[in-house]
Structures are given as C-alpha cells and as structure tokens.
C-alpha cells in the first residue's frame, strides 16, 4: 500500500511528499482506512511505530475536507505526559503544513496564560495532558462541545499514572456522537475493562511491540575513532562479502561523504536524503533492491518506507540523536523470518547516545574492539557537557518525566 492509494486530500499528500514519507507503516496501513470510514478504533502500538500519523492523517483529512477551520476545537488528543503531547503536536503541525489547520498543545508545568491566548486565537486540534485540559475547562477558556474525534494516545500509561478521574470528567463534556480512537502499548484485560465504555463497537488492530524487533536482530557495537569509521565499514563489507548493506547517517552531508568514499573503496554505493529528488531516491532504491548497488547510505527520514524483506545488514555509521530511531533503523533487517544483523560504530563523542539507547532497550550495550581499529583512549569527548555528571543527571530526570521512564540499572 502507498499513501497515494489512501486518497487523502492534496494538502496531506503535499506534506507526505515534503516529509519524504513513501509507504505507510504497519499500524498506519491497518488503522487509516478504518478511521477514514468513521469507525471507532482500539489499536495496540508502541511509540516508534508511526502511530501518530496513523490517527492524525485521517483526522486532518476530515478537518481539511469539511473546511471549518478555527471555528471550534473539533479534534482532541489526550496524552499522558507533556513530552508526548509536545511531540504529537509537533508531528501534527508538520502534517498540516500545507493546510490552514491550527494545532494547540496544552500541558502542565508551563504558564497557563500563553496557552489561553493560543486557544482564543483558534485551534482545530488540541493535544493535551488531562490535568491541564481540566484546568482550561474549569476556567472556561476551552469548550469541548464541538469535538468530533477523540484520541487517547498511550492509554495504558494514562491509566497507570492515575488519570482515570480526570478522564471521566473530560468524557462528560465531549459529545456522545463522536469518533473515539484509542492507542495503547498494551491491551490486557485490565485496560480493556476500563476503556470499553469509551468506545462504540470499535475495530481492533495491533502491531508487534517495537522492542521485540531489537530482540530478533543480532546487535554488534564497535568502538572506533570517528575518522576511521568509513575505513572500518569498507573492511567489514569487503572481508565478509556482504552484498545489500544499508548504512545510516545523521545528516545529508554525511550520507554524501560516506557514499563518495565507499565508491572510492570499490563498493558500488548510492546515497538517499532530502536533497535528492523523489525520482533519484526511487531509482537508487530500485538499484539497491536489484543488487546493482551494493551499499545504500541513507538519513533516517529518507529511509522511511524502505521495506526490503531479505536485507541482512544494517550499519549505523553514526548513532541517531533520538534513541527510538535506532529501533527504526535496525528494524529494516531481520524481516520475514530472515536473519538480521546490525553493526553500530560508536565514537567517544557518541557515548551519551549509546546510553540513551541502553535506556530504551533496558539493557547494557558494550562496544567491542576490532583488531586494527582500536579507539584512541587518550581522546576526550569534543562536547564534555554531554558526558558530564550534571548532564547525565539531567538526562535521567528528563527520562523520568518523558515517554521512556525506565532508568538503567547499574
């Protein structure tokens, strides 16, 4: 399935092209048609599966099609934490970029005044944490009388965090004649018993938990100096005679640089990223799939939609700044019952990024040394602030409040 086959409005197709989204993820493929048909939905999906677009695209499609911009809040998304609310709102604005739809994000821990101003200026979609939403309702700055679509994002976490009382009060103020969409990482009997009354004969869909992707892929980490990464990649591919290899970088410039140097090493390599035309990206992908190109270097955004069932090797030339992107990357391999292997090259400056991945996976990841490519232990990180005790403490505190709450066990 492609996004084009969903028959979304032009404004959304423009946004998808701009964001370089090629093919829907599994949860998007399962959810979007059902939501577009007006069904209530009960979906099992973790963060990182593309669930935000799974509910936001059909919501935006309806709002844009009906063209009642800013008259009232017509879609409400409830999220358990301000970090998740902010991310959902950010993603919604990206998808709404070519429309007139306005998105407001309201959450606790911030001055309520600016939020009131945003609401008064008009919002079609409100993304909110339950407590702060109630504050606005009590003050009379926000009405839910016109809400047509209601989303519970990470519903299980909202229940775990004790928001049931707030949710019940909110539910009394939203119209009964609405579409309700509930997304939860887990869907056990306890969750179902509490949420069933919120939905009307819902359709049920679910996708595999994302961390199980990591369990299926052999993950190898090598400690290596930054300037020797390209040399090590060429060595690994050549020595092991690997054929289709997907290499990830953080930036477009890095993608081009790696592709250029790997070609010099005699490895047929192409790069795909946002500065390449859609035609060029499609051609590069086809050459990679057919085996004409041995190595494909990609940025995270450009790699979305890549689905090669027999891809056995993924190399992280640079660790991602967002830990969840690591799961997305290695999830490109080990599909359809095939063996999968990911190799991550970790420089001294990326140690803090490795720690973020450790927290996400709840496991210790120890880089190996490869003979001939041992790192220079006399080096210090370029940005010592990232690796200072204070910085690590701040990251721990952020994790406690954010989407990934588990602190790594020492």
Foldseek 3Di string as FASTA:
>chain_A
DWPVVLVFDPLLVVLCVLLQATHQFPLLVVQQVCVLVPFAEEEAADPLRRVLCSPLRSVVSVCQVVPPAQPAAAEEEEEAFLQVLVVSQVVNCSSCVRDRAAEAEWEPPDDCVVSLVSVVVGHHYYYYYLVRVVVCVVVVSHAQANHAEYEYAQQVVCVVVPCLVSVVVVLVRHDPNHHYYYYHNDDDPVSCVSCVVVGDPHDYYYDDYLLVLVVQAAEAEAEFALVCLLVVVLVVCVVVVQFQEEEEDADPVVQVVSQVVSVVVVAQEDEDDSVDRPVVLVVRLVCSLVRVHRYYYYYLSNCNPDARQADAEYEYSDQYPQLSSVSVRQSNHCHPNYHHYYYYYDYQQCPLVQQNNCLVSLHDHDHDYDPPRGYDPVDHHPDCCCVDPVNVVVVLVCCCRDDRNGDHDD
